Amino acid sequence: MRFFGWGLLIATVAAVICARVHLLGLPLERDEGEYAYTGQLLLQGIPPYQLAYSMKFPGTAIAYAVLMSIFGETAQGIHLGLITVNLGTTIFILLIGRRLLGEIGGIAAAAAFSVLTLMPYVLGQAAHATHFVLLPAAAACLALLAAADRPSKIRLFGSGILFGVAVLMKQPGVFFALFGAVYLFGHGLWGGANLKHALFRNLILLSGIATPLCVISLILWRAGVFEKFWFWTIAYTQQYATEVPIRIGLRVLVDHFPAVVAGAWPIWVIATTGLIRSLFNDFRRTRGFLVELTLFAMMSVCAGFYFRPHYFILLLPAVSLLAGNAVMTALTAVGNRRTYASFAMILLFGLALVWPIWQERDFLFERAVPEANRMVNGTNPFPESVKIGEFIQERSNPADTIAVLGSEPQIYFYAKRHSATGYIYTYGLMEPQPFAKQMQQEMIREIESARPKFLVLVVMNRSWLPWRDSDKSIFRWAAMYRDANYDEVGLINISDTGTNYYFPRPPNMNPAEDHILIYQRKPAL
């Protein structure tokens, strides 16, 4: 069975990598654009939160900077980095599964994870922060298992550091850190340790978790941006995380979850079987690890009750390990000597892996990149951002700044020009939260002070997400400021039938419902 199992894993990972290579040229979407631009600034020596405000911890932007220094400051380079990160996490899932479930169980878990994290239902083709949370979190779990089996203060502290790095990638990583603390404490008590010893071991783990957070806070304080860091990642994030009522969040979950499972349903069914088996597993360590990891991973997805598709990536390590548990349980049931039955089990699991890839073959392998982009991103202005960036770069100097009125940070990355304002997203300005008015006024002051050479106005609801009771002051200011200081130099009309670019706009050409306007500062000004 080892031969068939390893063959299945290698074939699965090879197919996934081929699909990801085919999709390397996908344009950056908004989250990727944020991390790419912030990473670009880091490579220039500019700290996070100075020219680009973000509610997320800076870990993923730092990871982007590292990957871009290796693979290049392009969308292709970033997606090559994603392949590396995903492959690394797959290896850690393999090692965790092998330690908990046996070799075949680990192989099955790794293969399931590779497929599930590719699926467009969870936006697996984009280099979201959730992918970057999982790499250190999976490494931390492996180190934790090793430390639990062979007590070692160094292993415990190292596991804590890795959990802390996962938190730095994005705040929901804290649930993996909490899982580590709960599992370690329970494992110690189950193993016969007294309460004092169990608490001491947890203190070592928690010290490791806190270390990366303390180090990055000190670095940001030394860089003079700690106040912005605190406001955006703590004060504002608290408001953001409480905007969606629980009842609405649960309704969103019910609506979105079937789409998340979609064509990968065979793997999810197998994982559900594995979860049921875990609840009755005689091996306490395996039961505790799988059930607790699943619980805390579910909590990480629920943070804020937004339930966006890529949030579910945080649940996939648990789902994959549960699938591995189901496979191992089935093989144990048929017995090691019944070769044909064991082979049939592996074959059935292989078909469960093939099914979602086959279902999505059009997107993963067959469609040209522009068409594949439309399939997952619709008319969001992601490919248009590439041309806008090139247009601005050709007509400006590196010292010039630009301002994008909309939530399209990828434009800054493509243009290779600094933002005139730290507000690279405008969603927060429209939200019904107490800082919205303050944010609008600050954005206005920053733009007026910087006097950007180019102004990009994104007229699309998806780029602003206005609420019914949103403060619209910034729109009135933008119209007056634009008319007084800028000339229109470009119009991009976006519709379901395609995109039309006009540099400049022809006489009597009306904007489409969704459009982007580019303005250049008047020469006299």
Protein backbone atom coordinates (compact mmCIF):
# COMPACT_ATOMS: atom_id res chain seq x y z
CA MET A 1 0.00 0.00 0.00
CA ARG A 2 2.91 2.34 0.62
CA PHE A 3 3.78 2.30 -3.07
CA PHE A 4 0.23 3.14 -4.17
CA GLY A 5 -0.15 5.76 -1.46
CA TRP A 6 3.04 7.63 -2.35
CA GLY A 7 2.20 7.36 -6.05
CA LEU A 8 -1.20 8.92 -5.39
CA LEU A 9 0.32 11.78 -3.37
CA ILE A 10 2.99 12.54 -5.96
CA ALA A 11 0.46 12.50 -8.81
CA THR A 12 -1.94 14.73 -6.86
CA VAL A 13 0.69 17.30 -5.92
CA ALA A 14 2.03 17.30 -9.50
CA ALA A 15 -1.47 17.98 -10.88
CA VAL A 16 -2.01 20.79 -8.37
CA ILE A 17 1.33 22.40 -9.20
CA CYS A 18 0.55 22.19 -12.93
CA ALA A 19 -2.76 23.97 -12.33
CA ARG A 20 -1.08 26.66 -10.23
CA VAL A 21 1.60 27.17 -12.88
CA HIS A 22 -1.13 27.57 -15.51
CA LEU A 23 -2.71 30.29 -13.33
CA LEU A 24 0.54 32.11 -12.49
CA GLY A 25 -0.43 35.07 -14.64
CA LEU A 26 -3.70 35.83 -12.86
CA PRO A 27 -3.75 39.52 -11.95
CA LEU A 28 -3.50 40.42 -8.30
CA GLU A 29 -6.79 40.90 -6.49
CA ARG A 30 -7.29 43.42 -3.70
CA ASP A 31 -5.78 41.56 -0.75
CA GLU A 32 -2.84 40.46 -2.86
CA GLY A 33 -2.44 44.05 -4.04
CA GLU A 34 -2.31 45.28 -0.45
CA TYR A 35 0.38 42.79 0.57
CA ALA A 36 2.33 43.31 -2.65
CA TYR A 37 2.35 47.09 -2.30
CA THR A 38 3.26 46.97 1.39
CA GLY A 39 5.95 44.39 0.63
CA GLN A 40 7.24 46.62 -2.16
CA LEU A 41 7.51 49.48 0.34
CA LEU A 42 9.35 47.21 2.78
CA LEU A 43 11.92 46.39 0.10
CA GLN A 44 12.42 50.16 -0.22
CA GLY A 45 12.98 50.46 3.52
CA ILE A 46 9.55 51.96 4.30
CA PRO A 47 7.84 50.34 7.33
CA PRO A 48 4.25 49.09 7.38
CA TYR A 49 1.52 51.55 8.37
CA GLN A 50 3.51 54.56 7.17
CA LEU A 51 2.25 54.84 3.59
CA ALA A 52 -0.27 51.98 3.65
CA TYR A 53 -2.77 51.49 6.47
CA SER A 54 -4.07 47.99 7.13
CA MET A 55 -6.17 46.26 9.76
CA LYS A 56 -4.00 43.14 9.38
CA PHE A 57 -0.82 42.35 11.25
CA PRO A 58 2.29 42.86 9.06
CA GLY A 59 3.44 39.24 8.78
CA THR A 60 2.01 38.49 5.35
CA ALA A 61 3.39 41.75 3.91
CA ILE A 62 6.82 40.78 5.26
CA ALA A 63 6.44 37.33 3.70
CA TYR A 64 5.53 38.96 0.38
CA ALA A 65 8.66 41.12 0.57
CA VAL A 66 10.78 38.00 1.10
CA LEU A 67 9.10 36.12 -1.75
CA MET A 68 9.34 39.09 -4.13
CA SER A 69 13.04 39.44 -3.35
CA ILE A 70 13.42 35.83 -4.51
CA PHE A 71 10.90 35.48 -7.35
CA GLY A 72 10.53 39.09 -8.50
CA GLU A 73 8.09 41.96 -7.96
CA THR A 74 5.44 40.61 -10.32
CA ALA A 75 2.14 38.79 -10.04
CA GLN A 76 3.87 35.70 -11.40
CA GLY A 77 6.58 35.96 -8.75
CA ILE A 78 3.99 36.26 -5.99
CA HIS A 79 2.09 33.23 -7.25
CA LEU A 80 5.34 31.26 -7.50
CA GLY A 81 5.82 32.14 -3.86
CA LEU A 82 2.33 30.83 -3.13
CA ILE A 83 3.25 27.50 -4.72
CA THR A 84 6.26 27.30 -2.40
CA VAL A 85 4.22 28.18 0.69
CA ASN A 86 1.43 25.75 -0.17
CA LEU A 87 3.89 22.95 -0.87
CA GLY A 88 5.64 23.61 2.43
CA THR A 89 2.34 23.43 4.32
CA THR A 90 1.44 20.22 2.48
CA ILE A 91 4.69 18.65 3.70
CA PHE A 92 3.94 19.64 7.30
CA ILE A 93 0.42 18.18 7.01
CA LEU A 94 2.03 14.96 5.76
CA LEU A 95 4.38 14.84 8.74
CA ILE A 96 1.62 15.66 11.27
CA GLY A 97 -0.64 13.02 9.74
CA ARG A 98 2.11 10.42 9.73
CA ARG A 99 2.83 11.06 13.43
CA LEU A 100 -0.86 10.90 14.39
CA LEU A 101 -2.37 8.47 11.91
CA GLY A 102 0.42 6.47 10.37
CA GLU A 103 2.12 6.79 7.01
CA ILE A 104 -0.92 6.19 4.79
CA GLY A 105 -3.04 8.51 6.91
CA GLY A 106 -0.46 11.26 6.54
CA ILE A 107 -0.26 10.71 2.79
CA ALA A 108 -4.05 10.90 2.46
CA ALA A 109 -4.19 14.08 4.57
CA ALA A 110 -1.47 15.80 2.52
CA ALA A 111 -3.12 14.86 -0.78
CA ALA A 112 -6.51 16.13 0.42
CA PHE A 113 -4.98 19.40 1.64
CA SER A 114 -3.21 19.98 -1.68
CA VAL A 115 -6.47 19.61 -3.60
CA LEU A 116 -8.73 21.50 -1.20
CA THR A 117 -6.45 24.55 -1.07
CA LEU A 118 -6.45 24.77 -4.86
CA MET A 119 -10.20 25.01 -5.28
CA PRO A 120 -11.69 28.26 -6.61
CA TYR A 121 -14.54 27.93 -4.08
CA VAL A 122 -12.08 29.10 -1.39
CA LEU A 123 -10.16 31.37 -3.81
CA GLY A 124 -7.22 29.02 -3.42
CA GLN A 125 -5.46 30.42 -6.48
CA ALA A 126 -4.87 33.78 -4.74
CA ALA A 127 -2.05 34.36 -2.26
CA HIS A 128 -4.29 35.32 0.64
CA ALA A 129 -2.98 35.71 4.17
CA THR A 130 -4.77 32.52 5.17
CA HIS A 131 -2.20 30.48 3.20
CA PHE A 132 0.58 32.25 5.09
CA VAL A 133 -1.08 31.62 8.46
CA LEU A 134 -1.14 27.88 7.79
CA LEU A 135 2.56 27.38 7.04
CA PRO A 136 3.90 28.43 10.47
CA ALA A 137 0.78 27.07 12.21
CA ALA A 138 1.33 23.61 10.70
CA ALA A 139 5.05 23.74 11.56
CA ALA A 140 4.09 24.76 15.11
CA CYS A 141 1.68 21.83 15.44
CA LEU A 142 4.38 19.40 14.32
CA ALA A 143 6.87 20.85 16.81
CA LEU A 144 4.20 20.72 19.52
CA LEU A 145 3.57 17.03 18.89
CA ALA A 146 7.29 16.35 19.08
CA ALA A 147 7.57 18.33 22.33
CA ALA A 148 4.57 16.53 23.82
CA ASP A 149 6.05 13.11 23.04
CA ARG A 150 9.57 14.00 24.17
CA PRO A 151 9.40 16.86 26.66
CA SER A 152 11.78 19.65 25.67
CA LYS A 153 11.71 23.28 26.70
CA ILE A 154 13.44 24.29 23.46
CA ARG A 155 10.86 22.47 21.31
CA LEU A 156 8.03 24.02 23.29
CA PHE A 157 9.45 27.50 22.98
CA GLY A 158 10.12 26.97 19.26
CA SER A 159 6.57 25.75 18.75
CA GLY A 160 5.33 28.88 20.52
CA ILE A 161 7.41 31.12 18.27
CA LEU A 162 5.93 29.45 15.20
CA PHE A 163 2.40 29.92 16.57
CA GLY A 164 3.29 33.57 17.19
CA VAL A 165 4.44 33.94 13.58
CA ALA A 166 1.08 32.50 12.46
CA VAL A 167 -0.66 35.23 14.48
CA LEU A 168 1.56 37.85 12.83
CA MET A 169 0.40 36.68 9.42
CA LYS A 170 -3.19 37.55 10.30
CA GLN A 171 -5.08 37.90 13.57
CA PRO A 172 -7.21 34.70 13.19
CA GLY A 173 -3.93 32.82 13.62
CA VAL A 174 -4.48 33.40 17.33
CA PHE A 175 -6.95 30.51 17.33
CA PHE A 176 -4.20 28.11 16.30
CA ALA A 177 -2.08 29.46 19.14
CA LEU A 178 -4.99 28.89 21.54
CA PHE A 179 -5.34 25.36 20.18
CA GLY A 180 -1.67 24.74 20.93
CA ALA A 181 -2.05 25.93 24.52
CA VAL A 182 -5.24 23.91 25.16
CA TYR A 183 -3.85 20.75 23.56
CA LEU A 184 -0.58 20.97 25.47
CA PHE A 185 -2.35 21.51 28.79
CA GLY A 186 -4.75 18.61 28.22
CA HIS A 187 -2.00 16.32 26.96
CA GLY A 188 0.04 17.04 30.08
CA LEU A 189 -2.82 16.20 32.43
CA TRP A 190 -3.73 13.07 30.46
CA GLY A 191 -0.10 12.00 30.62
CA GLY A 192 -0.11 12.11 34.40
CA ALA A 193 1.66 15.46 34.90
CA ASN A 194 0.62 17.48 37.92
CA LEU A 195 -1.13 20.81 37.49
CA LYS A 196 1.95 22.86 38.33
CA HIS A 197 4.06 21.10 35.70
CA ALA A 198 1.32 21.42 33.06
CA LEU A 199 1.01 25.15 33.74
CA PHE A 200 4.78 25.62 33.57
CA ARG A 201 4.94 23.94 30.15
CA ASN A 202 2.13 26.19 28.95
CA LEU A 203 4.01 29.22 30.22
CA ILE A 204 6.98 28.26 28.05
CA LEU A 205 4.69 27.87 25.02
CA LEU A 206 2.94 31.19 25.67
CA SER A 207 6.30 32.94 26.07
CA GLY A 208 7.24 31.69 22.60
CA ILE A 209 3.91 32.88 21.17
CA ALA A 210 4.41 36.35 22.63
CA THR A 211 8.00 36.71 21.38
CA PRO A 212 7.29 37.52 17.68
CA LEU A 213 4.51 39.93 18.70
CA CYS A 214 6.82 41.75 21.12
CA VAL A 215 9.66 41.89 18.58
CA ILE A 216 7.49 43.33 15.80
CA SER A 217 5.92 45.84 18.20
CA LEU A 218 9.38 47.04 19.21
CA ILE A 219 10.45 47.34 15.56
CA LEU A 220 7.34 49.32 14.66
CA TRP A 221 7.80 51.55 17.71
CA ARG A 222 11.39 52.25 16.69
CA ALA A 223 10.16 53.03 13.15
CA GLY A 224 7.68 55.57 14.55
CA VAL A 225 4.51 53.81 13.31
CA PHE A 226 3.37 51.98 16.44
CA GLU A 227 0.49 54.39 17.02
CA LYS A 228 -0.89 53.73 13.51
CA PHE A 229 -0.28 50.00 13.97
CA TRP A 230 -2.25 50.00 17.22
CA PHE A 231 -5.15 52.01 15.81
CA TRP A 232 -5.58 49.91 12.68
CA THR A 233 -4.96 46.41 14.07
CA ILE A 234 -6.58 46.82 17.49
CA ALA A 235 -8.91 49.84 17.83
CA TYR A 236 -10.44 49.82 14.33
CA THR A 237 -10.36 46.02 14.03
CA GLN A 238 -12.48 45.72 17.17
CA GLN A 239 -15.14 47.84 15.46
CA TYR A 240 -14.82 45.91 12.20
CA ALA A 241 -15.15 42.56 13.94
CA THR A 242 -18.42 43.54 15.62
CA GLU A 243 -20.23 45.12 12.65
CA VAL A 244 -22.02 41.93 11.58
CA PRO A 245 -24.69 40.67 14.04
CA ILE A 246 -24.52 36.98 14.89
CA ARG A 247 -27.90 36.21 13.30
CA ILE A 248 -26.82 37.75 10.00
CA GLY A 249 -23.45 36.02 10.20
CA LEU A 250 -25.09 32.63 10.64
CA ARG A 251 -27.33 33.35 7.67
CA VAL A 252 -24.23 34.19 5.61
CA LEU A 253 -22.62 30.92 6.73
CA VAL A 254 -25.66 28.91 5.69
CA ASP A 255 -25.70 30.66 2.31
CA HIS A 256 -21.95 30.39 1.64
CA PHE A 257 -20.97 27.00 3.03
CA PRO A 258 -22.47 24.88 0.20
CA ALA A 259 -20.50 26.99 -2.29
CA VAL A 260 -17.32 26.43 -0.26
CA VAL A 261 -17.78 22.66 -0.36
CA ALA A 262 -19.13 22.53 -3.96
CA GLY A 263 -17.28 20.06 -6.20
CA ALA A 264 -14.97 18.93 -3.38
CA TRP A 265 -17.89 17.32 -1.55
CA PRO A 266 -16.42 13.77 -1.71
CA ILE A 267 -13.43 14.88 0.38
CA TRP A 268 -15.69 16.71 2.84
CA VAL A 269 -17.89 13.60 3.19
CA ILE A 270 -14.82 11.48 3.92
CA ALA A 271 -13.61 14.09 6.42
CA THR A 272 -17.01 14.04 8.18
CA THR A 273 -16.62 10.29 8.56
CA GLY A 274 -13.16 10.90 9.96
CA LEU A 275 -14.55 13.40 12.47
CA ILE A 276 -17.14 10.91 13.70
CA ARG A 277 -14.41 8.29 14.02
CA SER A 278 -12.21 10.74 15.92
CA LEU A 279 -14.86 11.22 18.58
CA PHE A 280 -14.63 7.51 19.39
CA ASN A 281 -10.91 7.00 18.84
CA ASP A 282 -9.33 4.90 21.57
CA PHE A 283 -6.01 6.72 21.15
CA ARG A 284 -6.53 9.77 23.33
CA ARG A 285 -3.77 11.86 21.74
CA THR A 286 -5.18 11.45 18.23
CA ARG A 287 -8.73 12.11 19.36
CA GLY A 288 -7.76 15.20 21.33
CA PHE A 289 -5.60 16.66 18.56
CA LEU A 290 -8.07 16.19 15.72
CA VAL A 291 -11.20 17.25 17.58
CA GLU A 292 -9.59 20.27 19.23
CA LEU A 293 -7.87 21.40 16.02
CA THR A 294 -11.20 21.19 14.18
CA LEU A 295 -12.95 23.21 16.89
CA PHE A 296 -10.38 26.01 16.96
CA ALA A 297 -10.07 26.07 13.16
CA MET A 298 -13.83 26.56 12.96
CA MET A 299 -13.53 29.44 15.42
CA SER A 300 -10.86 31.06 13.23
CA VAL A 301 -13.25 30.98 10.27
CA CYS A 302 -16.04 32.52 12.35
CA ALA A 303 -14.05 35.61 13.39
CA GLY A 304 -16.19 38.67 12.59
CA PHE A 305 -18.95 36.46 11.08
CA TYR A 306 -18.05 37.57 7.54
CA PHE A 307 -17.43 34.02 6.25
CA ARG A 308 -15.65 35.11 3.09
CA PRO A 309 -14.62 32.16 0.89
CA HIS A 310 -10.87 32.40 1.56
CA TYR A 311 -11.45 32.37 5.34
CA PHE A 312 -12.34 28.68 5.03
CA ILE A 313 -8.75 27.91 4.01
CA LEU A 314 -8.00 28.05 7.75
CA LEU A 315 -10.28 25.04 8.25
CA LEU A 316 -8.67 22.88 5.57
CA PRO A 317 -5.77 21.38 7.58
CA ALA A 318 -8.30 19.96 10.04
CA VAL A 319 -10.56 18.74 7.22
CA SER A 320 -7.57 17.09 5.51
CA LEU A 321 -6.37 15.33 8.66
CA LEU A 322 -9.90 14.10 9.33
CA ALA A 323 -10.00 12.71 5.78
CA GLY A 324 -6.69 10.97 6.47
CA ASN A 325 -8.16 9.52 9.65
CA ALA A 326 -11.13 8.14 7.71
CA VAL A 327 -8.84 6.51 5.14
CA MET A 328 -6.69 4.96 7.84
CA THR A 329 -9.78 3.70 9.67
CA ALA A 330 -11.08 2.07 6.48
CA LEU A 331 -7.75 0.38 5.78
CA THR A 332 -7.58 -0.91 9.34
CA ALA A 333 -11.10 -2.30 9.04
CA VAL A 334 -10.32 -4.36 5.93
CA GLY A 335 -7.04 -5.63 7.38
CA ASN A 336 -3.50 -5.32 6.11
CA ARG A 337 -3.48 -8.76 4.47
CA ARG A 338 -6.46 -8.11 2.21
CA THR A 339 -4.47 -6.41 -0.50
CA TYR A 340 -7.27 -6.04 -3.03
CA ALA A 341 -9.64 -4.47 -0.52
CA SER A 342 -6.92 -2.06 0.64
CA PHE A 343 -6.13 -1.14 -2.94
CA ALA A 344 -9.84 -0.51 -3.57
CA MET A 345 -9.91 1.88 -0.59
CA ILE A 346 -6.93 3.82 -1.92
CA LEU A 347 -8.52 3.89 -5.38
CA LEU A 348 -11.79 5.26 -4.00
CA PHE A 349 -9.93 7.96 -2.13
CA GLY A 350 -8.00 8.75 -5.32
CA LEU A 351 -11.29 9.21 -7.16
CA ALA A 352 -12.45 11.58 -4.41
CA LEU A 353 -9.31 13.66 -5.09
CA VAL A 354 -9.71 13.55 -8.85
CA TRP A 355 -13.39 14.54 -8.81
CA PRO A 356 -12.99 18.24 -7.78
CA ILE A 357 -10.01 18.70 -10.09
CA TRP A 358 -11.99 17.21 -12.97
CA GLN A 359 -15.01 19.34 -12.10
CA GLU A 360 -12.87 22.49 -12.24
CA ARG A 361 -10.64 21.47 -15.16
CA ASP A 362 -12.01 24.28 -17.30
CA PHE A 363 -10.75 26.89 -14.83
CA LEU A 364 -7.63 25.05 -13.68
CA PHE A 365 -6.20 23.92 -17.01
CA GLU A 366 -8.17 24.87 -20.11
CA ARG A 367 -9.20 28.53 -20.02
CA ALA A 368 -6.77 31.26 -20.94
CA VAL A 369 -5.73 33.36 -17.93
CA PRO A 370 -7.95 36.38 -18.79
CA GLU A 371 -10.99 34.12 -19.06
CA ALA A 372 -10.04 32.22 -15.90
CA ASN A 373 -9.81 35.55 -14.09
CA ARG A 374 -13.33 36.49 -15.17
CA MET A 375 -14.61 33.12 -13.94
CA VAL A 376 -13.51 33.75 -10.34
CA ASN A 377 -13.30 37.55 -10.11
CA GLY A 378 -16.09 38.68 -12.41
CA THR A 379 -15.82 42.33 -13.44
CA ASN A 380 -13.65 43.40 -10.52
CA PRO A 381 -11.01 45.72 -12.02
CA PHE A 382 -8.01 43.47 -11.46
CA PRO A 383 -6.68 43.11 -15.04
CA GLU A 384 -7.59 46.75 -15.64
CA SER A 385 -5.34 47.71 -12.71
CA VAL A 386 -2.34 46.38 -14.63
CA LYS A 387 -2.92 48.75 -17.54
CA ILE A 388 -3.74 51.66 -15.25
CA GLY A 389 -0.49 51.09 -13.40
CA GLU A 390 1.50 50.94 -16.64
CA PHE A 391 -0.21 54.10 -17.91
CA ILE A 392 0.69 56.05 -14.77
CA GLN A 393 4.22 54.70 -14.61
CA GLU A 394 4.95 55.82 -18.17
CA ARG A 395 3.72 59.36 -17.45
CA SER A 396 5.23 60.02 -14.04
CA ASN A 397 8.53 60.07 -12.19
CA PRO A 398 9.41 57.79 -9.24
CA ALA A 399 9.13 60.79 -6.90
CA ASP A 400 5.51 61.47 -7.95
CA THR A 401 2.66 60.24 -5.79
CA ILE A 402 -0.77 59.01 -6.83
CA ALA A 403 -4.12 58.67 -5.04
CA VAL A 404 -6.64 55.93 -5.71
CA LEU A 405 -10.15 56.77 -4.58
CA GLY A 406 -11.37 53.21 -4.17
CA SER A 407 -10.19 49.93 -2.71
CA GLU A 408 -7.69 48.96 -5.41
CA PRO A 409 -4.23 48.87 -3.73
CA GLN A 410 -2.86 46.72 -6.56
CA ILE A 411 -2.73 49.88 -8.72
CA TYR A 412 0.01 51.31 -6.49
CA PHE A 413 1.99 48.10 -6.88
CA TYR A 414 1.72 48.02 -10.66
CA ALA A 415 2.45 51.75 -11.00
CA LYS A 416 5.48 51.47 -8.69
CA ARG A 417 4.50 54.83 -7.24
CA HIS A 418 3.90 55.80 -3.62
CA SER A 419 0.39 56.48 -2.38
CA ALA A 420 -0.49 60.05 -1.49
CA THR A 421 -2.57 58.65 1.37
CA GLY A 422 -2.30 55.69 3.69
CA TYR A 423 -5.92 54.81 2.91
CA ILE A 424 -5.31 52.18 0.25
CA TYR A 425 -8.76 50.75 1.07
CA THR A 426 -11.90 52.85 1.27
CA TYR A 427 -14.26 50.24 2.73
CA GLY A 428 -13.72 51.55 6.25
CA LEU A 429 -14.82 55.02 5.20
CA MET A 430 -18.25 53.69 4.28
CA GLU A 431 -18.82 51.41 7.28
CA PRO A 432 -21.23 52.40 10.07
CA GLN A 433 -18.46 52.66 12.66
CA PRO A 434 -17.37 55.60 14.86
CA PHE A 435 -14.06 56.19 13.06
CA ALA A 436 -15.55 56.62 9.55
CA LYS A 437 -15.80 60.43 9.64
CA GLN A 438 -12.32 60.75 11.14
CA MET A 439 -10.92 58.46 8.44
CA GLN A 440 -12.50 60.48 5.63
CA GLN A 441 -11.10 63.73 6.99
CA GLU A 442 -7.64 62.24 7.41
CA MET A 443 -7.64 60.83 3.88
CA ILE A 444 -8.66 64.24 2.50
CA ARG A 445 -5.91 66.03 4.44
CA GLU A 446 -3.26 63.56 3.29
CA ILE A 447 -4.23 63.87 -0.39
CA GLU A 448 -4.40 67.66 -0.31
CA SER A 449 -1.03 67.83 1.43
CA ALA A 450 0.69 65.40 -0.97
CA ARG A 451 -0.75 66.99 -4.15
CA PRO A 452 -0.59 63.71 -6.12
CA LYS A 453 0.21 63.89 -9.81
CA PHE A 454 -2.50 61.35 -10.68
CA LEU A 455 -5.92 60.78 -9.19
CA VAL A 456 -7.72 57.49 -9.94
CA LEU A 457 -11.45 57.46 -9.23
CA VAL A 458 -13.01 54.00 -9.09
CA VAL A 459 -16.75 54.24 -9.69
CA MET A 460 -17.78 50.73 -8.66
CA ASN A 461 -19.84 49.67 -5.65
CA ARG A 462 -17.56 46.66 -5.12
CA SER A 463 -14.65 49.02 -4.56
CA TRP A 464 -16.46 51.06 -1.88
CA LEU A 465 -19.24 48.82 -0.48
CA PRO A 466 -21.37 51.77 0.66
CA TRP A 467 -23.99 51.13 3.30
CA ARG A 468 -27.41 52.74 3.17
CA ASP A 469 -26.44 55.16 5.94
CA SER A 470 -22.81 55.70 4.90
CA ASP A 471 -21.30 59.19 5.20
CA LYS A 472 -20.87 60.39 1.58
CA SER A 473 -18.86 63.53 2.38
CA ILE A 474 -15.74 62.26 0.65
CA PHE A 475 -17.57 61.97 -2.68
CA ARG A 476 -18.59 65.61 -2.57
CA TRP A 477 -15.05 66.64 -1.67
CA ALA A 478 -13.59 64.47 -4.46
CA ALA A 479 -15.78 66.12 -7.10
CA MET A 480 -14.74 69.64 -6.06
CA TYR A 481 -11.06 68.78 -5.60
CA ARG A 482 -10.92 67.00 -8.96
CA ASP A 483 -12.58 69.81 -10.89
CA ALA A 484 -10.34 72.45 -9.36
CA ASN A 485 -7.00 70.67 -9.74
CA TYR A 486 -7.11 67.92 -12.36
CA ASP A 487 -7.75 67.16 -16.02
CA GLU A 488 -9.26 63.90 -17.12
CA VAL A 489 -6.79 61.77 -19.13
CA GLY A 490 -8.38 58.34 -19.17
CA LEU A 491 -11.61 56.37 -18.95
CA ILE A 492 -11.97 52.63 -18.48
CA ASN A 493 -15.46 51.20 -19.04
CA ILE A 494 -16.04 47.75 -17.53
CA SER A 495 -18.97 45.46 -18.27
CA ASP A 496 -19.85 41.79 -18.61
CA THR A 497 -19.02 41.96 -22.31
CA GLY A 498 -15.48 43.26 -21.76
CA THR A 499 -13.38 46.32 -20.98
CA ASN A 500 -12.80 49.38 -23.15
CA TYR A 501 -9.88 51.75 -22.56
CA TYR A 502 -9.89 55.37 -23.67
CA PHE A 503 -6.77 57.52 -23.27
CA PRO A 504 -8.23 60.15 -23.40
CA ARG A 505 -12.02 59.82 -23.48
CA PRO A 506 -13.51 60.52 -26.96
CA PRO A 507 -16.06 63.34 -27.22
CA ASN A 508 -19.60 62.28 -26.29
CA MET A 509 -18.37 58.98 -24.78
CA ASN A 510 -20.42 58.26 -21.67
CA PRO A 511 -19.04 56.19 -18.78
CA ALA A 512 -20.48 52.73 -18.21
CA GLU A 513 -22.21 51.90 -14.94
CA ASP A 514 -18.89 50.49 -13.67
CA HIS A 515 -15.96 52.64 -14.73
CA ILE A 516 -12.64 54.10 -13.64
CA LEU A 517 -11.51 57.66 -14.37
CA ILE A 518 -7.89 58.78 -14.40
CA TYR A 519 -6.99 62.41 -13.75
CA GLN A 520 -3.66 64.22 -14.09
CA ARG A 521 -2.82 67.34 -12.13
CA LYS A 522 -3.18 70.53 -14.16
CA PRO A 523 0.18 71.89 -15.34
CA ALA A 524 -0.25 75.28 -13.72
CA LEU A 525 -0.81 73.62 -10.37
